Amino acid sequence: MVSIGRTSQGIEKWWAANGGRFQPGTRYFIGAPVTREHCIGVLKNGYQRQRILAAHYLCLLEPGTPLFNTSAPPGGSKRGSRKMA
């Protein structure tokens, strides 16, 4: 991963090189569009902060879905996320 610094020039340079990967009007989460499959993958492999957001996105994508318990250690979370796949 290339460090761009926190300057507007660094951000503009990164966007010029990478902006073509993104579609206008599409929400992205950890580099990919927000989908059920992507969120389940993040629940299985992401860091805890990412897993928390993935659990919330799943509830938004599929109303009525129970909020996944992300406070469990990753081993426990992985077992639970396989059931969702």
PDB file of N, CA and C in Angstrom:
ATOM      1  N   MET A   1       0.836  -1.169   0.000  1.00  0.00           N
ATOM      2  CA  MET A   1       0.000   0.000   0.000  1.00  0.00           C
ATOM      3  C   MET A   1       0.885   1.237   0.000  1.00  0.00           C
ATOM      4  N   VAL A   2       0.532   2.213  -0.780  1.00  0.00           N
ATOM      5  CA  VAL A   2       1.324   3.423  -0.918  1.00  0.00           C
ATOM      6  C   VAL A   2       0.845   4.453   0.089  1.00  0.00           C
ATOM      7  N   SER A   3       1.781   5.054   0.795  1.00  0.00           N
ATOM      8  CA  SER A   3       1.433   6.124   1.725  1.00  0.00           C
ATOM      9  C   SER A   3       1.274   7.416   0.943  1.00  0.00           C
ATOM     10  N   ILE A   4       0.136   8.067   1.102  1.00  0.00           N
ATOM     11  CA  ILE A   4      -0.104   9.306   0.358  1.00  0.00           C
ATOM     12  C   ILE A   4       0.048  10.538   1.223  1.00  0.00           C
ATOM     13  N   GLY A   5       0.228  10.347   2.503  1.00  0.00           N
ATOM     14  CA  GLY A   5       0.294  11.495   3.399  1.00  0.00           C
ATOM     15  C   GLY A   5      -1.094  12.067   3.601  1.00  0.00           C
ATOM     16  N   ARG A   6      -1.161  13.133   4.337  1.00  0.00           N
ATOM     17  CA  ARG A   6      -2.464  13.723   4.639  1.00  0.00           C
ATOM     18  C   ARG A   6      -2.610  15.089   3.986  1.00  0.00           C
ATOM     19  N   THR A   7      -2.074  15.232   2.825  1.00  0.00           N
ATOM     20  CA  THR A   7      -2.202  16.499   2.117  1.00  0.00           C
ATOM     21  C   THR A   7      -3.238  16.356   1.016  1.00  0.00           C
ATOM     22  N   SER A   8      -3.811  17.463   0.630  1.00  0.00           N
ATOM     23  CA  SER A   8      -4.788  17.408  -0.452  1.00  0.00           C
ATOM     24  C   SER A   8      -4.120  16.955  -1.752  1.00  0.00           C
ATOM     25  N   GLN A   9      -2.853  17.298  -1.938  1.00  0.00           N
ATOM     26  CA  GLN A   9      -2.145  16.845  -3.143  1.00  0.00           C
ATOM     27  C   GLN A   9      -1.981  15.325  -3.143  1.00  0.00           C
ATOM     28  N   GLY A  10      -1.698  14.751  -1.987  1.00  0.00           N
ATOM     29  CA  GLY A  10      -1.558  13.300  -1.886  1.00  0.00           C
ATOM     30  C   GLY A  10      -2.874  12.600  -2.176  1.00  0.00           C
ATOM     31  N   ILE A  11      -3.955  13.161  -1.670  1.00  0.00           N
ATOM     32  CA  ILE A  11      -5.272  12.578  -1.903  1.00  0.00           C
ATOM     33  C   ILE A  11      -5.649  12.689  -3.379  1.00  0.00           C
ATOM     34  N   GLU A  12      -5.391  13.854  -3.967  1.00  0.00           N
ATOM     35  CA  GLU A  12      -5.682  14.040  -5.395  1.00  0.00           C
ATOM     36  C   GLU A  12      -4.868  13.073  -6.252  1.00  0.00           C
ATOM     37  N   LYS A  13      -3.626  12.856  -5.886  1.00  0.00           N
ATOM     38  CA  LYS A  13      -2.768  11.927  -6.626  1.00  0.00           C
ATOM     39  C   LYS A  13      -3.313  10.498  -6.516  1.00  0.00           C
ATOM     40  N   TRP A  14      -3.706  10.105  -5.296  1.00  0.00           N
ATOM     41  CA  TRP A  14      -4.256   8.763  -5.104  1.00  0.00           C
ATOM     42  C   TRP A  14      -5.546   8.614  -5.904  1.00  0.00           C
ATOM     43  N   TRP A  15      -6.409   9.616  -5.845  1.00  0.00           N
ATOM     44  CA  TRP A  15      -7.690   9.529  -6.547  1.00  0.00           C
ATOM     45  C   TRP A  15      -7.482   9.450  -8.062  1.00  0.00           C
ATOM     46  N   ALA A  16      -6.524  10.186  -8.591  1.00  0.00           N
ATOM     47  CA  ALA A  16      -6.241  10.129 -10.033  1.00  0.00           C
ATOM     48  C   ALA A  16      -5.809   8.722 -10.437  1.00  0.00           C
ATOM     49  N   ALA A  17      -5.063   8.048  -9.576  1.00  0.00           N
ATOM     50  CA  ALA A  17      -4.578   6.699  -9.881  1.00  0.00           C
ATOM     51  C   ALA A  17      -5.621   5.621  -9.618  1.00  0.00           C
ATOM     52  N   ASN A  18      -6.536   5.845  -8.665  1.00  0.00           N
ATOM     53  CA  ASN A  18      -7.447   4.781  -8.223  1.00  0.00           C
ATOM     54  C   ASN A  18      -8.930   5.068  -8.405  1.00  0.00           C
ATOM     55  N   GLY A  19      -9.288   6.290  -8.715  1.00  0.00           N
ATOM     56  CA  GLY A  19     -10.692   6.675  -8.786  1.00  0.00           C
ATOM     57  C   GLY A  19     -11.514   5.872  -9.772  1.00  0.00           C
ATOM     58  N   GLY A  20     -10.898   5.353 -10.819  1.00  0.00           N
ATOM     59  CA  GLY A  20     -11.612   4.572 -11.825  1.00  0.00           C
ATOM     60  C   GLY A  20     -12.185   3.264 -11.300  1.00  0.00           C
ATOM     61  N   ARG A  21     -11.706   2.813 -10.138  1.00  0.00           N
ATOM     62  CA  ARG A  21     -12.216   1.564  -9.552  1.00  0.00           C
ATOM     63  C   ARG A  21     -13.575   1.740  -8.887  1.00  0.00           C
ATOM     64  N   PHE A  22     -13.983   2.975  -8.682  1.00  0.00           N
ATOM     65  CA  PHE A  22     -15.191   3.257  -7.905  1.00  0.00           C
ATOM     66  C   PHE A  22     -16.303   3.791  -8.790  1.00  0.00           C
ATOM     67  N   GLN A  23     -17.521   3.297  -8.574  1.00  0.00           N
ATOM     68  CA  GLN A  23     -18.686   3.758  -9.314  1.00  0.00           C
ATOM     69  C   GLN A  23     -19.395   4.839  -8.509  1.00  0.00           C
ATOM     70  N   PRO A  24     -19.753   5.944  -9.161  1.00  0.00           N
ATOM     71  CA  PRO A  24     -20.494   6.983  -8.448  1.00  0.00           C
ATOM     72  C   PRO A  24     -21.807   6.425  -7.899  1.00  0.00           C
ATOM     73  N   GLY A  25     -22.157   6.842  -6.691  1.00  0.00           N
ATOM     74  CA  GLY A  25     -23.413   6.430  -6.089  1.00  0.00           C
ATOM     75  C   GLY A  25     -23.373   5.063  -5.423  1.00  0.00           C
ATOM     76  N   THR A  26     -22.226   4.405  -5.410  1.00  0.00           N
ATOM     77  CA  THR A  26     -22.090   3.085  -4.782  1.00  0.00           C
ATOM     78  C   THR A  26     -21.367   3.241  -3.456  1.00  0.00           C
ATOM     79  N   ARG A  27     -21.936   2.655  -2.405  1.00  0.00           N
ATOM     80  CA  ARG A  27     -21.301   2.701  -1.091  1.00  0.00           C
ATOM     81  C   ARG A  27     -20.238   1.603  -1.025  1.00  0.00           C
ATOM     82  N   TYR A  28     -19.062   1.953  -0.511  1.00  0.00           N
ATOM     83  CA  TYR A  28     -17.958   1.001  -0.388  1.00  0.00           C
ATOM     84  C   TYR A  28     -17.601   0.790   1.072  1.00  0.00           C
ATOM     85  N   PHE A  29     -17.189  -0.419   1.380  1.00  0.00           N
ATOM     86  CA  PHE A  29     -16.800  -0.803   2.734  1.00  0.00           C
ATOM     87  C   PHE A  29     -15.564  -1.682   2.621  1.00  0.00           C
ATOM     88  N   ILE A  30     -14.460  -1.207   3.112  1.00  0.00           N
ATOM     89  CA  ILE A  30     -13.182  -1.908   3.052  1.00  0.00           C
ATOM     90  C   ILE A  30     -12.838  -2.264   1.596  1.00  0.00           C
ATOM     91  N   GLY A  31     -13.047  -1.326   0.700  1.00  0.00           N
ATOM     92  CA  GLY A  31     -12.618  -1.474  -0.683  1.00  0.00           C
ATOM     93  C   GLY A  31     -13.555  -2.203  -1.620  1.00  0.00           C
ATOM     94  N   ALA A  32     -14.726  -2.614  -1.168  1.00  0.00           N
ATOM     95  CA  ALA A  32     -15.664  -3.336  -2.031  1.00  0.00           C
ATOM     96  C   ALA A  32     -17.081  -2.816  -1.790  1.00  0.00           C
ATOM     97  N   PRO A  33     -17.948  -2.941  -2.782  1.00  0.00           N
ATOM     98  CA  PRO A  33     -19.340  -2.540  -2.564  1.00  0.00           C
ATOM     99  C   PRO A  33     -19.952  -3.326  -1.403  1.00  0.00           C
ATOM    100  N   VAL A  34     -20.870  -2.679  -0.704  1.00  0.00           N
ATOM    101  CA  VAL A  34     -21.528  -3.315   0.444  1.00  0.00           C
ATOM    102  C   VAL A  34     -22.524  -4.344  -0.071  1.00  0.00           C
ATOM    103  N   THR A  35     -22.215  -5.613   0.149  1.00  0.00           N
ATOM    104  CA  THR A  35     -23.111  -6.712  -0.210  1.00  0.00           C
ATOM    105  C   THR A  35     -23.151  -7.686   0.958  1.00  0.00           C
ATOM    106  N   ARG A  36     -24.134  -8.556   0.955  1.00  0.00           N
ATOM    107  CA  ARG A  36     -24.242  -9.577   2.005  1.00  0.00           C
ATOM    108  C   ARG A  36     -22.983 -10.441   2.030  1.00  0.00           C
ATOM    109  N   GLU A  37     -22.548 -10.874   0.854  1.00  0.00           N
ATOM    110  CA  GLU A  37     -21.380 -11.757   0.759  1.00  0.00           C
ATOM    111  C   GLU A  37     -20.126 -11.073   1.299  1.00  0.00           C
ATOM    112  N   HIS A  38     -19.948  -9.800   0.949  1.00  0.00           N
ATOM    113  CA  HIS A  38     -18.762  -9.075   1.415  1.00  0.00           C
ATOM    114  C   HIS A  38     -18.804  -8.921   2.938  1.00  0.00           C
ATOM    115  N   CYS A  39     -19.970  -8.590   3.481  1.00  0.00           N
ATOM    116  CA  CYS A  39     -20.099  -8.427   4.930  1.00  0.00           C
ATOM    117  C   CYS A  39     -19.815  -9.735   5.663  1.00  0.00           C
ATOM    118  N   ILE A  40     -20.284 -10.841   5.143  1.00  0.00           N
ATOM    119  CA  ILE A  40     -20.008 -12.141   5.772  1.00  0.00           C
ATOM    120  C   ILE A  40     -18.513 -12.442   5.729  1.00  0.00           C
ATOM    121  N   GLY A  41     -17.874 -12.114   4.619  1.00  0.00           N
ATOM    122  CA  GLY A  41     -16.424 -12.289   4.535  1.00  0.00           C
ATOM    123  C   GLY A  41     -15.689 -11.447   5.561  1.00  0.00           C
ATOM    124  N   VAL A  42     -16.151 -10.218   5.779  1.00  0.00           N
ATOM    125  CA  VAL A  42     -15.535  -9.357   6.786  1.00  0.00           C
ATOM    126  C   VAL A  42     -15.782  -9.920   8.182  1.00  0.00           C
ATOM    127  N   LEU A  43     -16.966 -10.465   8.428  1.00  0.00           N
ATOM    128  CA  LEU A  43     -17.227 -11.090   9.729  1.00  0.00           C
ATOM    129  C   LEU A  43     -16.274 -12.257   9.975  1.00  0.00           C
ATOM    130  N   LYS A  44     -15.929 -12.982   8.939  1.00  0.00           N
ATOM    131  CA  LYS A  44     -15.038 -14.133   9.082  1.00  0.00           C
ATOM    132  C   LYS A  44     -13.581 -13.723   9.228  1.00  0.00           C
ATOM    133  N   ASN A  45     -13.172 -12.649   8.520  1.00  0.00           N
ATOM    134  CA  ASN A  45     -11.746 -12.346   8.410  1.00  0.00           C
ATOM    135  C   ASN A  45     -11.326 -10.959   8.857  1.00  0.00           C
ATOM    136  N   GLY A  46     -12.276 -10.094   9.172  1.00  0.00           N
ATOM    137  CA  GLY A  46     -11.929  -8.710   9.480  1.00  0.00           C
ATOM    138  C   GLY A  46     -11.497  -8.495  10.917  1.00  0.00           C
ATOM    139  N   TYR A  47     -10.969  -7.287  11.146  1.00  0.00           N
ATOM    140  CA  TYR A  47     -10.654  -6.858  12.500  1.00  0.00           C
ATOM    141  C   TYR A  47     -11.965  -6.543  13.220  1.00  0.00           C
ATOM    142  N   GLN A  48     -11.923  -6.471  14.551  1.00  0.00           N
ATOM    143  CA  GLN A  48     -13.160  -6.304  15.308  1.00  0.00           C
ATOM    144  C   GLN A  48     -13.926  -5.056  14.886  1.00  0.00           C
ATOM    145  N   ARG A  49     -13.265  -3.938  14.682  1.00  0.00           N
ATOM    146  CA  ARG A  49     -13.969  -2.720  14.268  1.00  0.00           C
ATOM    147  C   ARG A  49     -14.664  -2.925  12.924  1.00  0.00           C
ATOM    148  N   GLN A  50     -14.018  -3.636  12.035  1.00  0.00           N
ATOM    149  CA  GLN A  50     -14.624  -3.922  10.732  1.00  0.00           C
ATOM    150  C   GLN A  50     -15.792  -4.884  10.883  1.00  0.00           C
ATOM    151  N   ARG A  51     -15.648  -5.875  11.764  1.00  0.00           N
ATOM    152  CA  ARG A  51     -16.725  -6.847  11.980  1.00  0.00           C
ATOM    153  C   ARG A  51     -17.964  -6.183  12.560  1.00  0.00           C
ATOM    154  N   ILE A  52     -17.765  -5.202  13.437  1.00  0.00           N
ATOM    155  CA  ILE A  52     -18.900  -4.473  14.011  1.00  0.00           C
ATOM    156  C   ILE A  52     -19.688  -3.784  12.895  1.00  0.00           C
ATOM    157  N   LEU A  53     -18.995  -3.091  12.010  1.00  0.00           N
ATOM    158  CA  LEU A  53     -19.678  -2.409  10.905  1.00  0.00           C
ATOM    159  C   LEU A  53     -20.330  -3.405   9.959  1.00  0.00           C
ATOM    160  N   ALA A  54     -19.654  -4.520   9.696  1.00  0.00           N
ATOM    161  CA  ALA A  54     -20.228  -5.540   8.812  1.00  0.00           C
ATOM    162  C   ALA A  54     -21.536  -6.081   9.388  1.00  0.00           C
ATOM    163  N   ALA A  55     -21.574  -6.288  10.699  1.00  0.00           N
ATOM    164  CA  ALA A  55     -22.796  -6.776  11.339  1.00  0.00           C
ATOM    165  C   ALA A  55     -23.930  -5.769  11.181  1.00  0.00           C
ATOM    166  N   HIS A  56     -23.610  -4.501  11.341  1.00  0.00           N
ATOM    167  CA  HIS A  56     -24.634  -3.458  11.178  1.00  0.00           C
ATOM    168  C   HIS A  56     -25.103  -3.368   9.729  1.00  0.00           C
ATOM    169  N   TYR A  57     -24.169  -3.449   8.797  1.00  0.00           N
ATOM    170  CA  TYR A  57     -24.554  -3.416   7.374  1.00  0.00           C
ATOM    171  C   TYR A  57     -25.482  -4.583   7.033  1.00  0.00           C
ATOM    172  N   LEU A  58     -25.203  -5.768   7.590  1.00  0.00           N
ATOM    173  CA  LEU A  58     -26.080  -6.915   7.315  1.00  0.00           C
ATOM    174  C   LEU A  58     -27.509  -6.628   7.768  1.00  0.00           C
ATOM    175  N   CYS A  59     -27.642  -5.988   8.926  1.00  0.00           N
ATOM    176  CA  CYS A  59     -28.986  -5.648   9.416  1.00  0.00           C
ATOM    177  C   CYS A  59     -29.661  -4.625   8.506  1.00  0.00           C
ATOM    178  N   LEU A  60     -28.898  -3.714   7.951  1.00  0.00           N
ATOM    179  CA  LEU A  60     -29.471  -2.715   7.045  1.00  0.00           C
ATOM    180  C   LEU A  60     -29.829  -3.332   5.695  1.00  0.00           C
ATOM    181  N   LEU A  61     -28.991  -4.264   5.233  1.00  0.00           N
ATOM    182  CA  LEU A  61     -29.245  -4.899   3.943  1.00  0.00           C
ATOM    183  C   LEU A  61     -30.441  -5.830   3.998  1.00  0.00           C
ATOM    184  N   GLU A  62     -30.629  -6.490   5.131  1.00  0.00           N
ATOM    185  CA  GLU A  62     -31.714  -7.463   5.294  1.00  0.00           C
ATOM    186  C   GLU A  62     -32.464  -7.162   6.589  1.00  0.00           C
ATOM    187  N   PRO A  63     -33.422  -6.223   6.533  1.00  0.00           N
ATOM    188  CA  PRO A  63     -34.161  -5.875   7.745  1.00  0.00           C
ATOM    189  C   PRO A  63     -34.750  -7.126   8.416  1.00  0.00           C
ATOM    190  N   GLY A  64     -34.669  -7.138   9.732  1.00  0.00           N
ATOM    191  CA  GLY A  64     -35.153  -8.288  10.493  1.00  0.00           C
ATOM    192  C   GLY A  64     -34.032  -9.249  10.862  1.00  0.00           C
ATOM    193  N   THR A  65     -32.861  -9.087  10.241  1.00  0.00           N
ATOM    194  CA  THR A  65     -31.717  -9.926  10.577  1.00  0.00           C
ATOM    195  C   THR A  65     -31.230  -9.566  11.976  1.00  0.00           C
ATOM    196  N   PRO A  66     -31.051 -10.541  12.854  1.00  0.00           N
ATOM    197  CA  PRO A  66     -30.540 -10.233  14.197  1.00  0.00           C
ATOM    198  C   PRO A  66     -29.110  -9.684  14.106  1.00  0.00           C
ATOM    199  N   LEU A  67     -28.779  -8.772  15.006  1.00  0.00           N
ATOM    200  CA  LEU A  67     -27.438  -8.200  15.023  1.00  0.00           C
ATOM    201  C   LEU A  67     -26.452  -9.269  15.467  1.00  0.00           C
ATOM    202  N   PHE A  68     -25.446  -9.514  14.639  1.00  0.00           N
ATOM    203  CA  PHE A  68     -24.430 -10.530  14.906  1.00  0.00           C
ATOM    204  C   PHE A  68     -23.577 -10.106  16.095  1.00  0.00           C
ATOM    205  N   ASN A  69     -23.282 -11.018  17.014  1.00  0.00           N
ATOM    206  CA  ASN A  69     -22.468 -10.723  18.188  1.00  0.00           C
ATOM    207  C   ASN A  69     -21.004 -10.646  17.801  1.00  0.00           C
ATOM    208  N   THR A  70     -20.484  -9.438  17.739  1.00  0.00           N
ATOM    209  CA  THR A  70     -19.082  -9.248  17.346  1.00  0.00           C
ATOM    210  C   THR A  70     -18.161  -9.116  18.547  1.00  0.00           C
ATOM    211  N   SER A  71     -18.715  -9.195  19.761  1.00  0.00           N
ATOM    212  CA  SER A  71     -17.861  -9.086  20.949  1.00  0.00           C
ATOM    213  C   SER A  71     -17.188 -10.406  21.287  1.00  0.00           C
ATOM    214  N   ALA A  72     -17.624 -11.484  20.659  1.00  0.00           N
ATOM    215  CA  ALA A  72     -17.001 -12.783  20.878  1.00  0.00           C
ATOM    216  C   ALA A  72     -15.628 -12.812  20.216  1.00  0.00           C
ATOM    217  N   PRO A  73     -14.714 -13.636  20.728  1.00  0.00           N
ATOM    218  CA  PRO A  73     -13.412 -13.773  20.066  1.00  0.00           C
ATOM    219  C   PRO A  73     -13.606 -14.237  18.622  1.00  0.00           C
ATOM    220  N   PRO A  74     -12.659 -13.931  17.741  1.00  0.00           N
ATOM    221  CA  PRO A  74     -12.816 -14.291  16.326  1.00  0.00           C
ATOM    222  C   PRO A  74     -13.172 -15.753  16.089  1.00  0.00           C
ATOM    223  N   GLY A  75     -12.650 -16.685  16.862  1.00  0.00           N
ATOM    224  CA  GLY A  75     -12.996 -18.094  16.662  1.00  0.00           C
ATOM    225  C   GLY A  75     -14.485 -18.329  16.810  1.00  0.00           C
ATOM    226  N   GLY A  76     -15.088 -17.738  17.814  1.00  0.00           N
ATOM    227  CA  GLY A  76     -16.527 -17.857  18.021  1.00  0.00           C
ATOM    228  C   GLY A  76     -17.301 -17.153  16.920  1.00  0.00           C
ATOM    229  N   SER A  77     -16.804 -15.992  16.502  1.00  0.00           N
ATOM    230  CA  SER A  77     -17.470 -15.254  15.440  1.00  0.00           C
ATOM    231  C   SER A  77     -17.427 -16.031  14.130  1.00  0.00           C
ATOM    232  N   LYS A  78     -16.293 -16.697  13.875  1.00  0.00           N
ATOM    233  CA  LYS A  78     -16.186 -17.462  12.632  1.00  0.00           C
ATOM    234  C   LYS A  78     -17.195 -18.596  12.601  1.00  0.00           C
ATOM    235  N   ARG A  79     -17.391 -19.252  13.727  1.00  0.00           N
ATOM    236  CA  ARG A  79     -18.378 -20.334  13.766  1.00  0.00           C
ATOM    237  C   ARG A  79     -19.763 -19.798  13.451  1.00  0.00           C
ATOM    238  N   GLY A  80     -20.107 -18.658  14.051  1.00  0.00           N
ATOM    239  CA  GLY A  80     -21.428 -18.084  13.835  1.00  0.00           C
ATOM    240  C   GLY A  80     -21.606 -17.572  12.420  1.00  0.00           C
ATOM    241  N   SER A  81     -20.547 -17.025  11.823  1.00  0.00           N
ATOM    242  CA  SER A  81     -20.676 -16.459  10.487  1.00  0.00           C
ATOM    243  C   SER A  81     -20.810 -17.550   9.427  1.00  0.00           C
ATOM    244  N   ARG A  82     -20.320 -18.758   9.704  1.00  0.00           N
ATOM    245  CA  ARG A  82     -20.510 -19.842   8.732  1.00  0.00           C
ATOM    246  C   ARG A  82     -21.980 -20.180   8.599  1.00  0.00           C
ATOM    247  N   LYS A  83     -22.722 -20.071   9.679  1.00  0.00           N
ATOM    248  CA  LYS A  83     -24.152 -20.356   9.633  1.00  0.00           C
ATOM    249  C   LYS A  83     -24.875 -19.388   8.702  1.00  0.00           C
ATOM    250  N   MET A  84     -24.352 -18.172   8.577  1.00  0.00           N
ATOM    251  CA  MET A  84     -25.010 -17.155   7.763  1.00  0.00           C
ATOM    252  C   MET A  84     -24.703 -17.350   6.285  1.00  0.00           C
ATOM    253  N   ALA A  85     -23.619 -18.008   5.978  1.00  0.00           N
ATOM    254  CA  ALA A  85     -23.192 -18.159   4.579  1.00  0.00           C
ATOM    255  C   ALA A  85     -24.136 -19.038   3.785  1.00  0.00           C
TER     256      ALA A  85
END
